[in-house]
Structures are given as C-alpha cells and as structure tokens.
C-alpha cells in the first residue's frame, strides 16, 4: 500500500523533533532543511537523511540516494524543505509503481 505524502511529511517532522529536541509543531512542510533558516546542524542533517533513507527502504520500498551533485543546492535540492523532500520520495514511490 502506498505511503501518502502526508505520512512522509509526518515522519520527517517527527525525526526533526527527535533530532533537534524542538516541538514537532514547530516544523511544517515549508521548514527549510538546508541553507538559511534550517533548524539543523550539518551532523543533524546527516542523521535525518540516514533516517529518511531507512524509512524509504523499509516503508516505501525504494532506494533513496541523497548524495547527488545537486543535493545541497539551496535552489535545486530536494532537501530545500520538508515538503520538497516528501514530494520527492512520493514521486520515487509513484515511479516505482508505474515501472
């Protein structure tokens, strides 16, 4: 059964709360994950991405490569915000279902 983009968003928000110690409600789909305004330090971003990689494999059934050339670009990265990351994972899931 497909995992909804809302469930992916929720997972990312929960992980951010766990990693940063901030209240989950302080994170929205618009929360930046990289660049100015990000609540994450570099090490914390890596922690989040490892957790997302495991979630993608275990819950969605997809391989998630977070090491691409554009990964850390503030303008092109799928890590710009919680929402862009969730949308990317949902898109990978949809592509797998249609292959």
C-alpha atoms as a PDB file:
ATOM      1  CA  UNK A   1       0.000   0.000   0.000  1.00  0.00           C
ATOM      2  CA  UNK A   2       1.428   3.393  -0.970  1.00  0.00           C
ATOM      3  CA  UNK A   3       2.659   5.755   1.713  1.00  0.00           C
ATOM      4  CA  UNK A   4       0.986   9.172   1.421  1.00  0.00           C
ATOM      5  CA  UNK A   5       2.962  12.375   1.095  1.00  0.00           C
ATOM      6  CA  UNK A   6       1.301  13.452   4.362  1.00  0.00           C
ATOM      7  CA  UNK A   7       2.666  10.352   6.127  1.00  0.00           C
ATOM      8  CA  UNK A   8       6.123  11.084   4.725  1.00  0.00           C
ATOM      9  CA  UNK A   9       5.875  14.707   5.914  1.00  0.00           C
ATOM     10  CA  UNK A  10       4.807  13.482   9.339  1.00  0.00           C
ATOM     11  CA  UNK A  11       7.735  11.070   9.555  1.00  0.00           C
ATOM     12  CA  UNK A  12      10.200  13.834   8.669  1.00  0.00           C
ATOM     13  CA  UNK A  13       8.644  16.202  11.231  1.00  0.00           C
ATOM     14  CA  UNK A  14       8.859  13.511  13.923  1.00  0.00           C
ATOM     15  CA  UNK A  15      12.505  12.854  13.085  1.00  0.00           C
ATOM     16  CA  UNK A  16      13.328  16.562  13.161  1.00  0.00           C
ATOM     17  CA  UNK A  17      11.707  16.847  16.562  1.00  0.00           C
ATOM     18  CA  UNK A  18      13.672  13.866  17.840  1.00  0.00           C
ATOM     19  CA  UNK A  19      16.974  15.125  16.419  1.00  0.00           C
ATOM     20  CA  UNK A  20      16.686  18.781  17.434  1.00  0.00           C
ATOM     21  CA  UNK A  21      14.626  18.479  20.606  1.00  0.00           C
ATOM     22  CA  UNK A  22      12.234  21.122  19.264  1.00  0.00           C
ATOM     23  CA  UNK A  23       8.474  20.668  19.424  1.00  0.00           C
ATOM     24  CA  UNK A  24       7.097  18.793  16.428  1.00  0.00           C
ATOM     25  CA  UNK A  25       4.531  21.518  15.812  1.00  0.00           C
ATOM     26  CA  UNK A  26       7.335  23.981  15.051  1.00  0.00           C
ATOM     27  CA  UNK A  27       8.001  22.126  11.777  1.00  0.00           C
ATOM     28  CA  UNK A  28       5.866  22.459   8.657  1.00  0.00           C
ATOM     29  CA  UNK A  29       6.199  21.419   5.025  1.00  0.00           C
ATOM     30  CA  UNK A  30       7.882  24.799   4.436  1.00  0.00           C
ATOM     31  CA  UNK A  31      10.611  24.264   7.051  1.00  0.00           C
ATOM     32  CA  UNK A  32      13.989  24.513   5.296  1.00  0.00           C
ATOM     33  CA  UNK A  33      16.329  21.562   5.704  1.00  0.00           C
ATOM     34  CA  UNK A  34      19.400  23.261   4.210  1.00  0.00           C
ATOM     35  CA  UNK A  35      20.586  26.842   3.970  1.00  0.00           C
ATOM     36  CA  UNK A  36      19.477  29.802   5.999  1.00  0.00           C
ATOM     37  CA  UNK A  37      16.621  29.118   8.347  1.00  0.00           C
ATOM     38  CA  UNK A  38      17.359  25.414   8.681  1.00  0.00           C
ATOM     39  CA  UNK A  39      16.990  24.119  12.244  1.00  0.00           C
ATOM     40  CA  UNK A  40      19.686  21.511  11.534  1.00  0.00           C
ATOM     41  CA  UNK A  41      23.424  21.488  12.009  1.00  0.00           C
ATOM     42  CA  UNK A  42      25.409  19.507   9.415  1.00  0.00           C
ATOM     43  CA  UNK A  43      25.658  16.394  11.580  1.00  0.00           C
ATOM     44  CA  UNK A  44      21.932  16.564  12.325  1.00  0.00           C
ATOM     45  CA  UNK A  45      21.134  16.798   8.615  1.00  0.00           C
ATOM     46  CA  UNK A  46      23.114  13.613   8.038  1.00  0.00           C
ATOM     47  CA  UNK A  47      21.184  11.932  10.892  1.00  0.00           C
ATOM     48  CA  UNK A  48      17.908  12.972   9.270  1.00  0.00           C
ATOM     49  CA  UNK A  49      18.945  11.754   5.829  1.00  0.00           C
ATOM     50  CA  UNK A  50      20.044   8.369   7.168  1.00  0.00           C
ATOM     51  CA  UNK A  51      16.667   8.032   8.921  1.00  0.00           C
ATOM     52  CA  UNK A  52      14.848   9.045   5.720  1.00  0.00           C
ATOM     53  CA  UNK A  53      16.915   6.544   3.720  1.00  0.00           C
ATOM     54  CA  UNK A  54      15.898   3.740   6.115  1.00  0.00           C
ATOM     55  CA  UNK A  55      12.247   4.880   6.043  1.00  0.00           C
ATOM     56  CA  UNK A  56      12.293   4.928   2.233  1.00  0.00           C
ATOM     57  CA  UNK A  57      13.639   1.393   2.068  1.00  0.00           C
ATOM     58  CA  UNK A  58      11.545  -0.107   4.889  1.00  0.00           C
ATOM     59  CA  UNK A  59       8.192   1.662   4.466  1.00  0.00           C
ATOM     60  CA  UNK A  60       8.103   2.773   0.832  1.00  0.00           C
ATOM     61  CA  UNK A  61      10.252   0.083  -0.766  1.00  0.00           C
ATOM     62  CA  UNK A  62      12.510   2.463  -2.678  1.00  0.00           C
ATOM     63  CA  UNK A  63      16.204   3.214  -2.817  1.00  0.00           C
ATOM     64  CA  UNK A  64      16.900   6.809  -1.824  1.00  0.00           C
ATOM     65  CA  UNK A  65      20.247   8.292  -2.925  1.00  0.00           C
ATOM     66  CA  UNK A  66      20.878  11.506  -1.024  1.00  0.00           C
ATOM     67  CA  UNK A  67      24.395  12.029  -2.363  1.00  0.00           C
ATOM     68  CA  UNK A  68      23.673  13.535  -5.790  1.00  0.00           C
ATOM     69  CA  UNK A  69      25.515  16.578  -7.138  1.00  0.00           C
ATOM     70  CA  UNK A  70      22.544  18.883  -6.591  1.00  0.00           C
ATOM     71  CA  UNK A  71      21.690  17.501  -3.144  1.00  0.00           C
ATOM     72  CA  UNK A  72      22.895  20.507  -1.182  1.00  0.00           C
ATOM     73  CA  UNK A  73      21.981  23.236  -3.657  1.00  0.00           C
ATOM     74  CA  UNK A  74      19.642  25.721  -1.977  1.00  0.00           C
ATOM     75  CA  UNK A  75      17.831  26.271  -5.285  1.00  0.00           C
ATOM     76  CA  UNK A  76      17.736  22.772  -6.819  1.00  0.00           C
ATOM     77  CA  UNK A  77      17.961  20.342  -3.930  1.00  0.00           C
ATOM     78  CA  UNK A  78      15.137  18.028  -2.936  1.00  0.00           C
ATOM     79  CA  UNK A  79      16.253  18.925   0.606  1.00  0.00           C
ATOM     80  CA  UNK A  80      15.172  22.577   0.349  1.00  0.00           C
ATOM     81  CA  UNK A  81      12.213  21.958   2.658  1.00  0.00           C
ATOM     82  CA  UNK A  82      10.381  19.138   4.392  1.00  0.00           C
ATOM     83  CA  UNK A  83       7.756  19.373   1.651  1.00  0.00           C
ATOM     84  CA  UNK A  84      10.191  19.119  -1.258  1.00  0.00           C
ATOM     85  CA  UNK A  85      11.794  16.050   0.315  1.00  0.00           C
ATOM     86  CA  UNK A  86       8.407  14.419   0.984  1.00  0.00           C
ATOM     87  CA  UNK A  87       7.268  15.195  -2.584  1.00  0.00           C
ATOM     88  CA  UNK A  88      10.482  13.699  -3.967  1.00  0.00           C
ATOM     89  CA  UNK A  89      10.018  10.465  -2.022  1.00  0.00           C
ATOM     90  CA  UNK A  90       6.364  10.260  -3.076  1.00  0.00           C
ATOM     91  CA  UNK A  91       7.460  10.775  -6.692  1.00  0.00           C
ATOM     92  CA  UNK A  92      10.034   7.974  -6.443  1.00  0.00           C
ATOM     93  CA  UNK A  93       7.342   5.727  -4.997  1.00  0.00           C
ATOM     94  CA  UNK A  94       4.948   6.567  -7.829  1.00  0.00           C
ATOM     95  CA  UNK A  95       7.616   5.945 -10.453  1.00  0.00           C
ATOM     96  CA  UNK A  96       8.335   2.529  -8.924  1.00  0.00           C
ATOM     97  CA  UNK A  97       4.654   1.635  -9.013  1.00  0.00           C
ATOM     98  CA  UNK A  98       4.429   2.530 -12.701  1.00  0.00           C
ATOM     99  CA  UNK A  99       7.552   0.670 -13.770  1.00  0.00           C
END
